[in-house]
Amino acid sequence: MAFGSVERPGGYCLLRCSQGYSAVIGASVILISMDKKTSFDLIYEQVMRIPLGCVATYGQIAALAGNPRWSRVVGYALHVNPAPGKIPCHRVVDRNGRVSPAFAFGGENMQVQLLQNEGIEVIDGRVDLNRYRWRTS
């Protein structure tokens, strides 16, 4: 496998090779093939399903995308969201309902504002998951 240029979008290493791309995240390597959906594609598809007025957790999106161990990968994918107006990454919170202090598109306050604009109450940086969690089943 011949590797080409190295890029660093979102703080991780993306290696271009003849078969597609490999994302190097810490000690993990995720193969991103040009022929089929990537892990990020699967994650973005699930995030786009979150209804207006609801939130999902990183773990919930990871499980829906096919691997419950991808919680951190969900975070990496959302941090480099290619279409913020289309992929509502602001609707994803941590397992305790906390908003992200590193929200990529304007900081923590922007995520809070976007959630509040959708009618989601945020108190002290947290969303009540019992009230606003997306129920998928």
Protein backbone atom coordinates (compact mmCIF):
# COMPACT_ATOMS: atom_id res chain seq x y z
CA MET A 1 0.00 0.00 0.00
CA ALA A 2 1.63 3.24 -1.13
CA PHE A 3 1.03 6.26 1.08
CA GLY A 4 0.89 9.81 -0.19
CA SER A 5 0.48 13.09 1.63
CA VAL A 6 -0.32 13.45 5.29
CA GLU A 7 -2.99 15.91 6.44
CA ARG A 8 -4.12 16.80 9.93
CA PRO A 9 -7.79 17.80 9.86
CA GLY A 10 -9.30 18.04 13.31
CA GLY A 11 -6.05 17.13 15.04
CA TYR A 12 -5.74 13.58 13.80
CA CYS A 13 -3.60 12.19 11.03
CA LEU A 14 -5.17 11.25 7.71
CA LEU A 15 -2.96 9.21 5.41
CA ARG A 16 -3.80 9.08 1.72
CA CYS A 17 -3.10 5.71 0.11
CA SER A 18 -3.99 3.88 -3.09
CA GLN A 19 -6.98 2.13 -1.44
CA GLY A 20 -8.48 5.30 0.05
CA TYR A 21 -7.60 6.84 3.40
CA SER A 22 -6.53 5.65 6.83
CA ALA A 23 -7.34 7.82 9.82
CA VAL A 24 -4.79 7.48 12.63
CA ILE A 25 -6.40 8.43 15.92
CA GLY A 26 -4.02 7.90 18.81
CA ALA A 27 -3.08 4.23 18.69
CA SER A 28 -6.10 3.32 16.54
CA VAL A 29 -6.16 3.15 12.76
CA ILE A 30 -9.49 3.30 10.96
CA LEU A 31 -9.47 2.31 7.30
CA ILE A 32 -11.55 4.64 5.20
CA SER A 33 -12.26 3.04 1.85
CA MET A 34 -13.27 5.03 -1.21
CA ASP A 35 -15.54 2.16 -2.33
CA LYS A 36 -17.87 1.91 0.65
CA LYS A 37 -19.17 4.06 3.47
CA THR A 38 -16.65 5.24 6.02
CA SER A 39 -17.13 5.15 9.76
CA PHE A 40 -17.64 8.92 9.57
CA ASP A 41 -20.34 8.47 6.88
CA LEU A 42 -22.19 6.01 9.12
CA ILE A 43 -21.93 8.42 12.04
CA TYR A 44 -23.15 11.41 10.00
CA GLU A 45 -26.14 9.38 8.76
CA GLN A 46 -27.23 8.69 12.33
CA VAL A 47 -26.68 12.27 13.50
CA MET A 48 -28.87 13.51 10.63
CA ARG A 49 -31.67 11.28 11.96
CA ILE A 50 -31.81 13.01 15.37
CA PRO A 51 -35.17 14.82 15.39
CA LEU A 52 -35.51 18.53 16.04
CA GLY A 53 -35.93 19.07 19.78
CA CYS A 54 -34.02 15.92 20.75
CA VAL A 55 -30.43 15.04 21.60
CA ALA A 56 -28.40 11.83 21.44
CA THR A 57 -25.26 10.78 23.26
CA TYR A 58 -21.94 9.95 21.64
CA GLY A 59 -22.41 6.32 22.73
CA GLN A 60 -25.93 6.18 21.33
CA ILE A 61 -24.73 7.44 17.93
CA ALA A 62 -21.79 5.00 18.03
CA ALA A 63 -24.12 2.05 18.64
CA LEU A 64 -26.54 3.16 15.91
CA ALA A 65 -23.62 3.57 13.50
CA GLY A 66 -22.64 -0.05 14.06
CA ASN A 67 -20.03 -0.10 16.82
CA PRO A 68 -20.82 0.83 20.43
CA ARG A 69 -17.08 1.34 21.07
CA TRP A 70 -16.89 4.28 18.64
CA SER A 71 -17.89 7.02 21.11
CA ARG A 72 -14.59 8.84 20.65
CA VAL A 73 -14.72 8.32 16.90
CA VAL A 74 -18.13 10.04 16.95
CA GLY A 75 -16.47 13.00 18.66
CA TYR A 76 -13.69 13.12 16.06
CA ALA A 77 -16.22 12.90 13.22
CA LEU A 78 -18.34 15.70 14.64
CA HIS A 79 -15.30 17.90 15.18
CA VAL A 80 -14.58 17.81 11.44
CA ASN A 81 -18.25 17.94 10.37
CA PRO A 82 -18.13 18.74 6.63
CA ALA A 83 -21.65 20.19 6.55
CA PRO A 84 -22.62 21.90 9.85
CA GLY A 85 -25.87 23.25 8.38
CA LYS A 86 -26.91 19.76 7.27
CA ILE A 87 -25.40 17.51 9.95
CA PRO A 88 -26.73 18.76 13.33
CA CYS A 89 -23.74 17.88 15.48
CA HIS A 90 -24.97 20.28 18.17
CA ARG A 91 -27.62 17.65 19.04
CA VAL A 92 -24.97 15.25 20.38
CA VAL A 93 -24.05 15.47 24.07
CA ASP A 94 -22.06 13.30 26.46
CA ARG A 95 -23.54 10.43 28.48
CA ASN A 96 -24.45 12.82 31.29
CA GLY A 97 -26.16 15.32 28.98
CA ARG A 98 -23.29 17.81 29.08
CA VAL A 99 -22.60 19.95 26.04
CA SER A 100 -19.12 19.93 24.55
CA PRO A 101 -16.64 22.52 25.85
CA ALA A 102 -14.82 22.09 22.53
CA PHE A 103 -17.81 22.52 20.22
CA ALA A 104 -16.09 23.03 16.86
CA PHE A 105 -18.41 25.64 15.40
CA GLY A 106 -18.41 28.51 17.86
CA GLY A 107 -17.64 27.01 21.27
CA GLU A 108 -19.80 25.71 24.10
CA ASN A 109 -22.08 28.74 24.11
CA MET A 110 -22.91 28.21 20.42
CA GLN A 111 -24.01 24.62 21.07
CA VAL A 112 -26.17 25.81 23.97
CA GLN A 113 -27.69 28.54 21.80
CA LEU A 114 -28.44 26.12 18.94
CA LEU A 115 -30.10 23.65 21.33
CA GLN A 116 -32.13 26.40 23.01
CA ASN A 117 -33.26 27.63 19.58
CA GLU A 118 -34.75 24.15 19.09
CA GLY A 119 -36.64 24.31 22.39
CA ILE A 120 -34.16 22.21 24.38
CA GLU A 121 -33.56 23.50 27.90
CA VAL A 122 -29.89 23.63 28.90
CA ILE A 123 -29.16 24.24 32.59
CA ASP A 124 -25.57 24.66 33.78
CA GLY A 125 -24.28 23.19 30.53
CA ARG A 126 -26.48 20.09 30.73
CA VAL A 127 -29.51 18.73 28.94
CA ASP A 128 -32.02 16.55 30.82
CA LEU A 129 -31.64 13.25 28.98
CA ASN A 130 -34.82 11.86 30.53
CA ARG A 131 -36.72 14.64 28.82
CA TYR A 132 -34.84 15.27 25.57
CA ARG A 133 -33.03 12.02 24.66
CA TRP A 134 -33.91 10.70 21.21
CA ARG A 135 -35.85 7.47 21.67
CA THR A 136 -34.90 5.27 18.72
CA SER A 137 -37.07 2.26 19.48
